[in-house]
Amino acid sequence: MALIGAFLPWWGFDVSGIISNQAHRWTIWNPPRLNTQVPGAASVSWNFTISSVSVLVLVLVATALVVVGSITLLRRYLLGGLVLSALAPVVYAVAINYVTMNYCITPFCVAGPVGSESVSRVPGLGVAWGFQIGFYVFLAAVLVLIAGLLFNSRLGRGQVTNAKAKISVFTGRTSASCSKCGTNMQSPSKFCPNCGQARAALPLPT
């Protein structure tokens, strides 16, 4: 799910109007490359590129750790993958928030990672922006990983409990016959009360 989400769009905006509708979507593999002639476009493209590459590295490393943990059944790899998986969308959301709050990505200067705005001077024209399906699919993958770790933890505790060997110990009184005179001897007795013969050792249970 994480790899599928990585190839889907993570953020974008839609421009709707009377004449035409435009949709702009970006993945972490393909960050936006704005026209460098527009003021501030170079900074926007640079910030998008750095954040996308950072998130891409986190996604790939997290996926690798989860795969290794699934094969080796070592929890430290799964926990490492969980931490990096949870960190990836946080880094991306912070980067999107920084870019949208400090630069104009559209002619309407969107503010914040999610929102919508209508243009009063052009009736029927507006823009809506926010996270896209790839971002939410990746979040779903993180939740699935958390659920898997919780299930693995409970299953592991159950296996440990079931693996405990149950050894029954007989604590009742036992009796044996003296090997010399045949007198019955109770369990606490080490010597025959009749002839004084030492009690023979009991055979080990099989």
N, C-alpha and C. Protein backbone atom coordinates (compact mmCIF):
# COMPACT_ATOMS: atom_id res chain seq x y z
N MET A 1 0.82 -1.21 0.00
CA MET A 1 0.00 0.00 0.00
C MET A 1 0.86 1.27 0.00
N ALA A 2 1.98 1.22 0.75
CA ALA A 2 2.86 2.38 0.81
C ALA A 2 3.46 2.68 -0.56
N LEU A 3 3.90 1.64 -1.27
CA LEU A 3 4.49 1.85 -2.59
C LEU A 3 3.44 2.34 -3.59
N ILE A 4 2.22 1.82 -3.49
CA ILE A 4 1.15 2.29 -4.37
C ILE A 4 0.87 3.77 -4.10
N GLY A 5 0.79 4.12 -2.83
CA GLY A 5 0.56 5.51 -2.48
C GLY A 5 1.67 6.43 -2.93
N ALA A 6 2.91 5.91 -2.96
CA ALA A 6 4.04 6.74 -3.37
C ALA A 6 3.97 7.13 -4.84
N PHE A 7 3.30 6.31 -5.64
CA PHE A 7 3.20 6.60 -7.08
C PHE A 7 1.96 7.43 -7.42
N LEU A 8 1.08 7.62 -6.46
CA LEU A 8 -0.13 8.41 -6.70
C LEU A 8 0.10 9.86 -6.28
N PRO A 9 -0.72 10.79 -6.77
CA PRO A 9 -0.55 12.21 -6.39
C PRO A 9 -0.72 12.42 -4.90
N TRP A 10 0.13 13.29 -4.33
CA TRP A 10 0.09 13.58 -2.90
C TRP A 10 -0.52 14.96 -2.61
N TRP A 11 -0.38 15.90 -3.55
CA TRP A 11 -0.93 17.23 -3.31
C TRP A 11 -1.20 17.89 -4.65
N GLY A 12 -2.14 18.83 -4.66
CA GLY A 12 -2.44 19.53 -5.91
C GLY A 12 -3.57 20.51 -5.72
N PHE A 13 -3.92 21.17 -6.80
CA PHE A 13 -5.04 22.11 -6.74
C PHE A 13 -5.82 22.07 -8.04
N ASP A 14 -7.07 22.45 -7.95
CA ASP A 14 -7.98 22.50 -9.09
C ASP A 14 -8.45 23.94 -9.27
N VAL A 15 -8.39 24.38 -10.50
CA VAL A 15 -8.91 25.71 -10.86
C VAL A 15 -10.19 25.50 -11.66
N SER A 16 -11.28 25.99 -11.17
CA SER A 16 -12.57 25.85 -11.85
C SER A 16 -13.06 27.22 -12.28
N GLY A 17 -13.62 27.26 -13.47
CA GLY A 17 -14.10 28.52 -13.99
C GLY A 17 -15.14 28.33 -15.06
N ILE A 18 -15.58 29.45 -15.58
CA ILE A 18 -16.62 29.41 -16.62
C ILE A 18 -16.04 28.86 -17.92
N ILE A 19 -14.82 29.25 -18.23
CA ILE A 19 -14.24 28.86 -19.53
C ILE A 19 -13.70 27.44 -19.48
N SER A 20 -12.86 27.14 -18.51
CA SER A 20 -12.22 25.82 -18.47
C SER A 20 -11.88 25.46 -17.03
N ASN A 21 -11.63 24.18 -16.84
CA ASN A 21 -11.20 23.66 -15.54
C ASN A 21 -9.79 23.09 -15.69
N GLN A 22 -8.94 23.36 -14.73
CA GLN A 22 -7.57 22.86 -14.75
C GLN A 22 -7.28 22.12 -13.45
N ALA A 23 -6.60 20.99 -13.57
CA ALA A 23 -6.22 20.19 -12.41
C ALA A 23 -4.71 20.02 -12.41
N HIS A 24 -4.10 20.23 -11.28
CA HIS A 24 -2.65 20.07 -11.14
C HIS A 24 -2.39 19.14 -9.95
N ARG A 25 -1.76 18.02 -10.24
CA ARG A 25 -1.47 17.01 -9.23
C ARG A 25 0.02 16.70 -9.26
N TRP A 26 0.59 16.47 -8.06
CA TRP A 26 2.01 16.13 -8.00
C TRP A 26 2.24 14.95 -7.07
N THR A 27 3.16 14.09 -7.48
CA THR A 27 3.59 12.96 -6.65
C THR A 27 4.94 13.29 -6.02
N ILE A 28 5.38 12.46 -5.08
CA ILE A 28 6.70 12.67 -4.50
C ILE A 28 7.81 12.28 -5.48
N TRP A 29 7.43 11.57 -6.55
CA TRP A 29 8.41 11.26 -7.59
C TRP A 29 8.53 12.40 -8.59
N ASN A 30 7.52 13.21 -8.67
CA ASN A 30 7.49 14.27 -9.68
C ASN A 30 6.99 15.57 -9.06
N PRO A 31 7.84 16.28 -8.33
CA PRO A 31 7.41 17.55 -7.71
C PRO A 31 7.15 18.61 -8.77
N PRO A 32 6.40 19.65 -8.45
CA PRO A 32 6.07 20.69 -9.44
C PRO A 32 7.30 21.48 -9.87
N ARG A 33 7.34 21.78 -11.14
CA ARG A 33 8.40 22.61 -11.71
C ARG A 33 7.74 23.84 -12.33
N LEU A 34 7.74 24.91 -11.58
CA LEU A 34 7.04 26.10 -12.01
C LEU A 34 7.92 26.94 -12.93
N ASN A 35 7.30 27.84 -13.65
CA ASN A 35 8.01 28.71 -14.58
C ASN A 35 8.99 29.60 -13.80
N THR A 36 10.26 29.49 -14.12
CA THR A 36 11.28 30.23 -13.37
C THR A 36 11.19 31.74 -13.60
N GLN A 37 10.44 32.16 -14.63
CA GLN A 37 10.30 33.60 -14.87
C GLN A 37 9.32 34.27 -13.90
N VAL A 38 8.49 33.44 -13.25
CA VAL A 38 7.54 33.97 -12.28
C VAL A 38 8.29 34.25 -10.98
N PRO A 39 8.12 35.42 -10.35
CA PRO A 39 8.82 35.72 -9.10
C PRO A 39 8.53 34.69 -8.01
N GLY A 40 9.60 34.17 -7.42
CA GLY A 40 9.46 33.19 -6.36
C GLY A 40 9.25 31.77 -6.84
N ALA A 41 9.11 31.54 -8.15
CA ALA A 41 8.86 30.19 -8.66
C ALA A 41 10.04 29.27 -8.42
N ALA A 42 11.26 29.80 -8.53
CA ALA A 42 12.46 28.98 -8.32
C ALA A 42 12.51 28.47 -6.87
N SER A 43 12.16 29.34 -5.92
CA SER A 43 12.16 28.93 -4.52
C SER A 43 11.09 27.88 -4.25
N VAL A 44 9.92 28.06 -4.86
CA VAL A 44 8.84 27.09 -4.69
C VAL A 44 9.26 25.73 -5.24
N SER A 45 9.81 25.73 -6.44
CA SER A 45 10.25 24.47 -7.04
C SER A 45 11.33 23.81 -6.20
N TRP A 46 12.26 24.60 -5.67
CA TRP A 46 13.34 24.05 -4.85
C TRP A 46 12.79 23.44 -3.56
N ASN A 47 11.89 24.13 -2.90
CA ASN A 47 11.30 23.60 -1.66
C ASN A 47 10.50 22.33 -1.93
N PHE A 48 9.73 22.33 -3.01
CA PHE A 48 8.99 21.13 -3.36
C PHE A 48 9.92 19.96 -3.65
N THR A 49 11.01 20.23 -4.36
CA THR A 49 11.95 19.16 -4.72
C THR A 49 12.62 18.58 -3.49
N ILE A 50 13.10 19.44 -2.59
CA ILE A 50 13.76 18.96 -1.38
C ILE A 50 12.81 18.14 -0.52
N SER A 51 11.59 18.64 -0.32
CA SER A 51 10.64 17.92 0.52
C SER A 51 10.23 16.60 -0.12
N SER A 52 10.03 16.60 -1.44
CA SER A 52 9.62 15.37 -2.12
C SER A 52 10.72 14.33 -2.07
N VAL A 53 11.97 14.73 -2.28
CA VAL A 53 13.08 13.78 -2.22
C VAL A 53 13.23 13.23 -0.80
N SER A 54 13.08 14.09 0.19
CA SER A 54 13.18 13.64 1.58
C SER A 54 12.09 12.61 1.91
N VAL A 55 10.87 12.92 1.52
CA VAL A 55 9.77 11.99 1.79
C VAL A 55 9.95 10.70 0.99
N LEU A 56 10.43 10.82 -0.23
CA LEU A 56 10.66 9.62 -1.05
C LEU A 56 11.68 8.70 -0.39
N VAL A 57 12.76 9.26 0.14
CA VAL A 57 13.77 8.45 0.83
C VAL A 57 13.17 7.78 2.06
N LEU A 58 12.38 8.52 2.83
CA LEU A 58 11.73 7.95 4.00
C LEU A 58 10.80 6.80 3.62
N VAL A 59 10.05 6.98 2.55
CA VAL A 59 9.11 5.95 2.10
C VAL A 59 9.85 4.69 1.69
N LEU A 60 10.91 4.83 0.92
CA LEU A 60 11.66 3.67 0.44
C LEU A 60 12.34 2.93 1.59
N VAL A 61 12.98 3.68 2.48
CA VAL A 61 13.65 3.04 3.62
C VAL A 61 12.64 2.36 4.54
N ALA A 62 11.51 3.04 4.79
CA ALA A 62 10.48 2.45 5.64
C ALA A 62 9.93 1.17 5.02
N THR A 63 9.69 1.18 3.72
CA THR A 63 9.18 -0.02 3.05
C THR A 63 10.18 -1.16 3.13
N ALA A 64 11.47 -0.84 2.94
CA ALA A 64 12.51 -1.87 3.03
C ALA A 64 12.57 -2.47 4.43
N LEU A 65 12.47 -1.64 5.46
CA LEU A 65 12.50 -2.14 6.83
C LEU A 65 11.30 -3.04 7.13
N VAL A 66 10.13 -2.64 6.64
CA VAL A 66 8.94 -3.46 6.87
C VAL A 66 9.06 -4.81 6.16
N VAL A 67 9.60 -4.81 4.94
CA VAL A 67 9.78 -6.07 4.21
C VAL A 67 10.76 -6.98 4.94
N VAL A 68 11.89 -6.41 5.38
CA VAL A 68 12.89 -7.20 6.12
C VAL A 68 12.30 -7.72 7.42
N GLY A 69 11.54 -6.86 8.12
CA GLY A 69 10.91 -7.30 9.36
C GLY A 69 9.88 -8.38 9.15
N SER A 70 9.16 -8.33 8.03
CA SER A 70 8.16 -9.36 7.73
C SER A 70 8.82 -10.70 7.42
N ILE A 71 10.01 -10.64 6.82
CA ILE A 71 10.71 -11.89 6.47
C ILE A 71 11.41 -12.49 7.68
N THR A 72 12.11 -11.64 8.44
CA THR A 72 12.89 -12.13 9.58
C THR A 72 12.08 -12.22 10.86
N LEU A 73 10.89 -11.60 10.89
CA LEU A 73 10.03 -11.56 12.08
C LEU A 73 10.73 -10.88 13.26
N LEU A 74 11.62 -9.92 12.95
CA LEU A 74 12.27 -9.13 13.99
C LEU A 74 11.51 -7.82 14.17
N ARG A 75 11.09 -7.57 15.39
CA ARG A 75 10.22 -6.43 15.64
C ARG A 75 10.95 -5.10 15.48
N ARG A 76 12.27 -5.09 15.68
CA ARG A 76 12.98 -3.80 15.58
C ARG A 76 12.93 -3.25 14.16
N TYR A 77 12.93 -4.11 13.16
CA TYR A 77 12.80 -3.63 11.78
C TYR A 77 11.39 -3.10 11.53
N LEU A 78 10.39 -3.79 12.05
CA LEU A 78 9.02 -3.34 11.87
C LEU A 78 8.77 -2.02 12.58
N LEU A 79 9.32 -1.88 13.78
CA LEU A 79 9.15 -0.63 14.52
C LEU A 79 9.89 0.52 13.82
N GLY A 80 11.09 0.22 13.29
CA GLY A 80 11.81 1.25 12.53
C GLY A 80 11.05 1.69 11.30
N GLY A 81 10.45 0.71 10.60
CA GLY A 81 9.63 1.04 9.44
C GLY A 81 8.40 1.85 9.81
N LEU A 82 7.82 1.54 10.99
CA LEU A 82 6.65 2.29 11.44
C LEU A 82 7.01 3.75 11.74
N VAL A 83 8.14 3.95 12.41
CA VAL A 83 8.56 5.32 12.76
C VAL A 83 8.80 6.14 11.49
N LEU A 84 9.52 5.58 10.53
CA LEU A 84 9.80 6.32 9.30
C LEU A 84 8.54 6.52 8.47
N SER A 85 7.64 5.53 8.48
CA SER A 85 6.39 5.66 7.74
C SER A 85 5.52 6.78 8.32
N ALA A 86 5.49 6.87 9.64
CA ALA A 86 4.72 7.95 10.26
C ALA A 86 5.38 9.30 10.06
N LEU A 87 6.71 9.30 9.94
CA LEU A 87 7.43 10.57 9.77
C LEU A 87 7.26 11.14 8.37
N ALA A 88 7.13 10.27 7.36
CA ALA A 88 7.05 10.72 5.97
C ALA A 88 5.89 11.68 5.72
N PRO A 89 4.64 11.33 6.04
CA PRO A 89 3.54 12.28 5.77
C PRO A 89 3.63 13.54 6.62
N VAL A 90 4.23 13.43 7.82
CA VAL A 90 4.39 14.62 8.66
C VAL A 90 5.35 15.60 8.00
N VAL A 91 6.48 15.10 7.51
CA VAL A 91 7.45 15.96 6.83
C VAL A 91 6.82 16.60 5.60
N TYR A 92 6.06 15.82 4.84
CA TYR A 92 5.44 16.36 3.63
C TYR A 92 4.41 17.44 3.96
N ALA A 93 3.60 17.19 4.99
CA ALA A 93 2.58 18.18 5.37
C ALA A 93 3.22 19.47 5.86
N VAL A 94 4.30 19.36 6.63
CA VAL A 94 5.00 20.56 7.11
C VAL A 94 5.60 21.33 5.93
N ALA A 95 6.18 20.60 4.98
CA ALA A 95 6.78 21.26 3.81
C ALA A 95 5.71 21.96 2.97
N ILE A 96 4.58 21.30 2.75
CA ILE A 96 3.50 21.92 1.98
C ILE A 96 2.97 23.16 2.69
N ASN A 97 2.84 23.06 4.00
CA ASN A 97 2.36 24.20 4.76
C ASN A 97 3.34 25.38 4.66
N TYR A 98 4.61 25.09 4.73
CA TYR A 98 5.61 26.17 4.63
C TYR A 98 5.57 26.83 3.26
N VAL A 99 5.51 26.02 2.20
CA VAL A 99 5.52 26.58 0.85
C VAL A 99 4.27 27.40 0.58
N THR A 100 3.12 26.86 0.94
CA THR A 100 1.86 27.56 0.63
C THR A 100 1.67 28.82 1.48
N MET A 101 2.29 28.85 2.65
CA MET A 101 2.14 30.04 3.49
C MET A 101 3.14 31.14 3.14
N ASN A 102 4.17 30.80 2.40
CA ASN A 102 5.23 31.79 2.12
C ASN A 102 5.38 32.14 0.65
N TYR A 103 4.77 31.36 -0.24
CA TYR A 103 4.91 31.62 -1.68
C TYR A 103 3.56 31.52 -2.36
N CYS A 104 3.46 32.13 -3.52
CA CYS A 104 2.24 32.06 -4.32
C CYS A 104 2.40 30.96 -5.36
N ILE A 105 1.71 29.86 -5.16
CA ILE A 105 1.78 28.77 -6.13
C ILE A 105 0.82 29.01 -7.28
N THR A 106 -0.31 29.62 -7.00
CA THR A 106 -1.30 29.93 -8.02
C THR A 106 -1.49 31.45 -8.05
N PRO A 107 -2.16 31.95 -9.07
CA PRO A 107 -2.43 33.39 -9.10
C PRO A 107 -3.25 33.89 -7.91
N PHE A 108 -3.86 32.94 -7.15
CA PHE A 108 -4.69 33.35 -6.03
C PHE A 108 -3.95 33.27 -4.70
N CYS A 109 -2.68 32.80 -4.73
CA CYS A 109 -1.87 32.70 -3.52
C CYS A 109 -2.59 31.88 -2.44
N VAL A 110 -2.65 30.56 -2.65
CA VAL A 110 -3.29 29.69 -1.68
C VAL A 110 -2.57 29.78 -0.35
N ALA A 111 -3.30 29.67 0.74
CA ALA A 111 -2.72 29.76 2.08
C ALA A 111 -3.04 28.49 2.85
N GLY A 112 -1.99 27.78 3.21
CA GLY A 112 -2.19 26.54 3.95
C GLY A 112 -2.25 25.34 3.04
N PRO A 113 -2.05 24.14 3.58
CA PRO A 113 -2.03 22.92 2.74
C PRO A 113 -3.40 22.51 2.20
N VAL A 114 -4.48 22.93 2.84
CA VAL A 114 -5.82 22.52 2.42
C VAL A 114 -6.73 23.74 2.47
N GLY A 115 -7.55 23.89 1.43
CA GLY A 115 -8.50 24.99 1.43
C GLY A 115 -9.11 25.24 0.08
N SER A 116 -9.90 26.28 -0.03
CA SER A 116 -10.52 26.67 -1.29
C SER A 116 -10.78 28.17 -1.24
N GLU A 117 -10.89 28.76 -2.44
CA GLU A 117 -11.09 30.20 -2.51
C GLU A 117 -11.77 30.54 -3.82
N SER A 118 -12.66 31.48 -3.78
CA SER A 118 -13.32 31.98 -4.99
C SER A 118 -12.82 33.39 -5.28
N VAL A 119 -12.77 33.71 -6.54
CA VAL A 119 -12.26 35.01 -6.96
C VAL A 119 -13.45 35.94 -7.18
N SER A 120 -13.48 36.99 -6.38
CA SER A 120 -14.64 37.89 -6.45
C SER A 120 -14.68 38.68 -7.75
N ARG A 121 -13.50 39.02 -8.28
CA ARG A 121 -13.49 39.83 -9.50
C ARG A 121 -13.82 39.04 -10.76
N VAL A 122 -13.78 37.71 -10.65
CA VAL A 122 -14.18 36.85 -11.79
C VAL A 122 -15.25 35.90 -11.29
N PRO A 123 -16.51 36.19 -11.54
CA PRO A 123 -17.60 35.32 -11.06
C PRO A 123 -17.46 33.90 -11.60
N GLY A 124 -17.64 32.93 -10.72
CA GLY A 124 -17.57 31.53 -11.12
C GLY A 124 -16.19 30.95 -11.14
N LEU A 125 -15.17 31.75 -10.85
CA LEU A 125 -13.80 31.26 -10.88
C LEU A 125 -13.31 31.03 -9.45
N GLY A 126 -12.73 29.87 -9.24
CA GLY A 126 -12.24 29.54 -7.91
C GLY A 126 -11.14 28.49 -7.97
N VAL A 127 -10.52 28.27 -6.84
CA VAL A 127 -9.45 27.28 -6.75
C VAL A 127 -9.63 26.51 -5.45
N ALA A 128 -9.40 25.19 -5.53
CA ALA A 128 -9.44 24.31 -4.36
C ALA A 128 -8.15 23.52 -4.32
N TRP A 129 -7.56 23.43 -3.17
CA TRP A 129 -6.28 22.74 -3.06
C TRP A 129 -6.28 21.85 -1.82
N GLY A 130 -5.41 20.86 -1.83
CA GLY A 130 -5.32 19.95 -0.69
C GLY A 130 -4.59 18.68 -1.03
N PHE A 131 -4.49 17.79 -0.05
CA PHE A 131 -3.81 16.51 -0.23
C PHE A 131 -4.65 15.60 -1.12
N GLN A 132 -3.94 14.77 -1.85
CA GLN A 132 -4.60 13.91 -2.82
C GLN A 132 -4.57 12.45 -2.37
N ILE A 133 -5.03 11.55 -3.24
CA ILE A 133 -5.28 10.17 -2.87
C ILE A 133 -4.00 9.45 -2.42
N GLY A 134 -2.86 9.75 -3.04
CA GLY A 134 -1.62 9.08 -2.65
C GLY A 134 -1.26 9.32 -1.19
N PHE A 135 -1.47 10.54 -0.73
CA PHE A 135 -1.18 10.89 0.65
C PHE A 135 -2.05 10.08 1.61
N TYR A 136 -3.34 9.95 1.28
CA TYR A 136 -4.25 9.23 2.16
C TYR A 136 -4.05 7.72 2.07
N VAL A 137 -3.68 7.20 0.91
CA VAL A 137 -3.37 5.78 0.80
C VAL A 137 -2.15 5.44 1.66
N PHE A 138 -1.16 6.33 1.66
CA PHE A 138 0.02 6.09 2.48
C PHE A 138 -0.34 6.13 3.97
N LEU A 139 -1.20 7.07 4.36
CA LEU A 139 -1.65 7.10 5.76
C LEU A 139 -2.38 5.80 6.12
N ALA A 140 -3.19 5.29 5.19
CA ALA A 140 -3.88 4.02 5.44
C ALA A 140 -2.87 2.88 5.62
N ALA A 141 -1.78 2.92 4.84
CA ALA A 141 -0.74 1.90 4.98
C ALA A 141 -0.08 1.97 6.36
N VAL A 142 0.11 3.18 6.87
CA VAL A 142 0.67 3.34 8.22
C VAL A 142 -0.26 2.73 9.27
N LEU A 143 -1.56 2.98 9.13
CA LEU A 143 -2.53 2.42 10.07
C LEU A 143 -2.56 0.89 9.99
N VAL A 144 -2.46 0.35 8.78
CA VAL A 144 -2.41 -1.10 8.62
C VAL A 144 -1.17 -1.68 9.30
N LEU A 145 -0.04 -0.98 9.17
CA LEU A 145 1.19 -1.44 9.81
C LEU A 145 1.06 -1.42 11.33
N ILE A 146 0.43 -0.38 11.87
CA ILE A 146 0.22 -0.32 13.31
C ILE A 146 -0.67 -1.48 13.78
N ALA A 147 -1.75 -1.73 13.03
CA ALA A 147 -2.64 -2.84 13.38
C ALA A 147 -1.90 -4.17 13.29
N GLY A 148 -1.03 -4.32 12.27
CA GLY A 148 -0.27 -5.55 12.14
C GLY A 148 0.70 -5.76 13.30
N LEU A 149 1.32 -4.67 13.75
CA LEU A 149 2.24 -4.79 14.88
C LEU A 149 1.49 -5.15 16.16
N LEU A 150 0.33 -4.55 16.37
CA LEU A 150 -0.47 -4.90 17.55
C LEU A 150 -0.91 -6.36 17.51
N PHE A 151 -1.35 -6.82 16.36
CA PHE A 151 -1.76 -8.22 16.20
C PHE A 151 -0.57 -9.14 16.41
N ASN A 152 0.60 -8.76 15.86
CA ASN A 152 1.81 -9.57 16.02
C ASN A 152 2.22 -9.65 17.48
N SER A 153 2.04 -8.54 18.21
CA SER A 153 2.39 -8.53 19.63
C SER A 153 1.50 -9.47 20.43
N ARG A 154 0.19 -9.42 20.17
CA ARG A 154 -0.74 -10.30 20.88
C ARG A 154 -0.50 -11.75 20.52
N LEU A 155 -0.24 -12.00 19.23
CA LEU A 155 0.01 -13.36 18.79
C LEU A 155 1.28 -13.90 19.43
N GLY A 156 2.30 -13.03 19.54
CA GLY A 156 3.55 -13.46 20.16
C GLY A 156 3.36 -13.82 21.62
N ARG A 157 2.57 -13.02 22.35
CA ARG A 157 2.31 -13.34 23.75
C ARG A 157 1.54 -14.64 23.88
N GLY A 158 0.61 -14.89 22.97
CA GLY A 158 -0.15 -16.14 23.01
C GLY A 158 0.73 -17.34 22.76
N GLN A 159 1.70 -17.21 21.83
CA GLN A 159 2.59 -18.31 21.54
C GLN A 159 3.49 -18.61 22.72
N VAL A 160 3.94 -17.56 23.39
CA VAL A 160 4.80 -17.78 24.55
C VAL A 160 4.04 -18.49 25.66
N THR A 161 2.77 -18.09 25.87
CA THR A 161 1.96 -18.71 26.91
C THR A 161 1.69 -20.17 26.59
N ASN A 162 1.37 -20.45 25.32
CA ASN A 162 1.06 -21.82 24.94
C ASN A 162 2.28 -22.70 24.91
N ALA A 163 3.45 -22.10 24.80
CA ALA A 163 4.68 -22.89 24.69
C ALA A 163 5.20 -23.32 26.05
N LYS A 164 4.63 -22.82 27.14
CA LYS A 164 5.11 -23.20 28.46
C LYS A 164 4.79 -24.67 28.72
N ALA A 165 5.80 -25.40 29.16
CA ALA A 165 5.61 -26.82 29.44
C ALA A 165 4.91 -27.00 30.77
N LYS A 166 3.95 -27.86 30.79
CA LYS A 166 3.21 -28.15 32.01
C LYS A 166 3.73 -29.47 32.59
N ILE A 167 4.35 -29.39 33.75
CA ILE A 167 4.91 -30.56 34.42
C ILE A 167 4.10 -30.81 35.68
N SER A 168 3.46 -31.92 35.74
CA SER A 168 2.66 -32.27 36.91
C SER A 168 3.56 -32.93 37.95
N VAL A 169 3.47 -32.48 39.18
CA VAL A 169 4.27 -33.02 40.28
C VAL A 169 3.32 -33.65 41.28
N PHE A 170 3.54 -34.92 41.57
CA PHE A 170 2.68 -35.64 42.51
C PHE A 170 3.19 -35.38 43.92
N THR A 171 2.34 -34.78 44.72
CA THR A 171 2.75 -34.40 46.08
C THR A 171 2.14 -35.31 47.14
N GLY A 172 1.42 -36.30 46.72
CA GLY A 172 0.79 -37.19 47.70
C GLY A 172 1.81 -38.13 48.36
N ARG A 173 1.35 -38.88 49.37
CA ARG A 173 2.22 -39.82 50.07
C ARG A 173 2.36 -41.10 49.26
N THR A 174 3.55 -41.61 49.19
CA THR A 174 3.82 -42.85 48.48
C THR A 174 4.41 -43.86 49.46
N SER A 175 4.25 -45.11 49.14
CA SER A 175 4.80 -46.18 49.97
C SER A 175 5.57 -47.16 49.12
N ALA A 176 6.55 -47.84 49.76
CA ALA A 176 7.36 -48.83 49.07
C ALA A 176 7.68 -49.94 50.05
N SER A 177 8.02 -51.09 49.52
CA SER A 177 8.35 -52.25 50.36
C SER A 177 9.85 -52.31 50.58
N CYS A 178 10.21 -52.75 51.75
CA CYS A 178 11.64 -52.91 52.06
C CYS A 178 12.21 -54.03 51.20
N SER A 179 13.35 -53.76 50.61
CA SER A 179 13.96 -54.75 49.73
C SER A 179 14.51 -55.95 50.49
N LYS A 180 14.60 -55.87 51.84
CA LYS A 180 15.19 -56.96 52.62
C LYS A 180 14.13 -57.81 53.30
N CYS A 181 13.20 -57.12 54.03
CA CYS A 181 12.21 -57.88 54.79
C CYS A 181 10.79 -57.75 54.24
N GLY A 182 10.57 -56.79 53.32
CA GLY A 182 9.26 -56.66 52.72
C GLY A 182 8.29 -55.79 53.47
N THR A 183 8.73 -55.13 54.54
CA THR A 183 7.85 -54.27 55.31
C THR A 183 7.51 -53.01 54.51
N ASN A 184 6.23 -52.55 54.60
CA ASN A 184 5.81 -51.32 53.91
C ASN A 184 6.48 -50.12 54.57
N MET A 185 7.03 -49.24 53.71
CA MET A 185 7.71 -48.03 54.19
C MET A 185 7.00 -46.81 53.61
N GLN A 186 6.67 -45.81 54.49
CA GLN A 186 6.05 -44.59 54.04
C GLN A 186 7.11 -43.69 53.40
N SER A 187 6.62 -42.69 52.65
CA SER A 187 7.54 -41.86 51.88
C SER A 187 8.57 -41.12 52.71
N PRO A 188 8.27 -40.58 53.92
CA PRO A 188 9.30 -39.86 54.64
C PRO A 188 10.42 -40.77 55.16
N SER A 189 10.17 -42.09 55.28
CA SER A 189 11.15 -43.00 55.88
C SER A 189 12.29 -43.28 54.93
N LYS A 190 13.52 -43.14 55.43
CA LYS A 190 14.71 -43.46 54.65
C LYS A 190 15.26 -44.85 55.01
N PHE A 191 14.84 -45.37 56.16
CA PHE A 191 15.30 -46.68 56.59
C PHE A 191 14.09 -47.51 57.00
N CYS A 192 14.19 -48.80 56.82
CA CYS A 192 13.10 -49.72 57.18
C CYS A 192 12.93 -49.72 58.70
N PRO A 193 11.70 -49.48 59.19
CA PRO A 193 11.48 -49.47 60.64
C PRO A 193 11.61 -50.86 61.27
N ASN A 194 11.63 -51.92 60.45
CA ASN A 194 11.68 -53.28 60.98
C ASN A 194 13.12 -53.79 61.06
N CYS A 195 13.86 -53.65 59.94
CA CYS A 195 15.20 -54.22 59.92
C CYS A 195 16.31 -53.18 59.77
N GLY A 196 15.93 -51.92 59.51
CA GLY A 196 16.94 -50.87 59.38
C GLY A 196 17.59 -50.79 58.01
N GLN A 197 17.09 -51.55 57.06
CA GLN A 197 17.66 -51.52 55.71
C GLN A 197 17.39 -50.16 55.06
N ALA A 198 18.41 -49.60 54.39
CA ALA A 198 18.23 -48.32 53.69
C ALA A 198 17.22 -48.47 52.57
N ARG A 199 16.43 -47.43 52.42
CA ARG A 199 15.39 -47.45 51.40
C ARG A 199 16.01 -47.34 50.02
N ALA A 200 15.52 -48.17 49.11
CA ALA A 200 16.04 -48.11 47.73
C ALA A 200 15.53 -46.88 47.04
N ALA A 201 16.37 -46.30 46.13
CA ALA A 201 15.97 -45.10 45.39
C ALA A 201 14.83 -45.42 44.45
N LEU A 202 13.85 -44.50 44.38
CA LEU A 202 12.72 -44.68 43.47
C LEU A 202 13.16 -44.47 42.03
N PRO A 203 12.62 -45.25 41.12
CA PRO A 203 12.98 -45.06 39.69
C PRO A 203 12.44 -43.70 39.19
N LEU A 204 13.21 -43.08 38.31
CA LEU A 204 12.79 -41.81 37.71
C LEU A 204 11.60 -41.99 36.80
N PRO A 205 10.66 -41.06 36.80
CA PRO A 205 9.48 -41.19 35.91
C PRO A 205 9.90 -41.05 34.45
N THR A 206 9.22 -41.78 33.58
CA THR A 206 9.52 -41.72 32.15
C THR A 206 8.45 -40.92 31.46
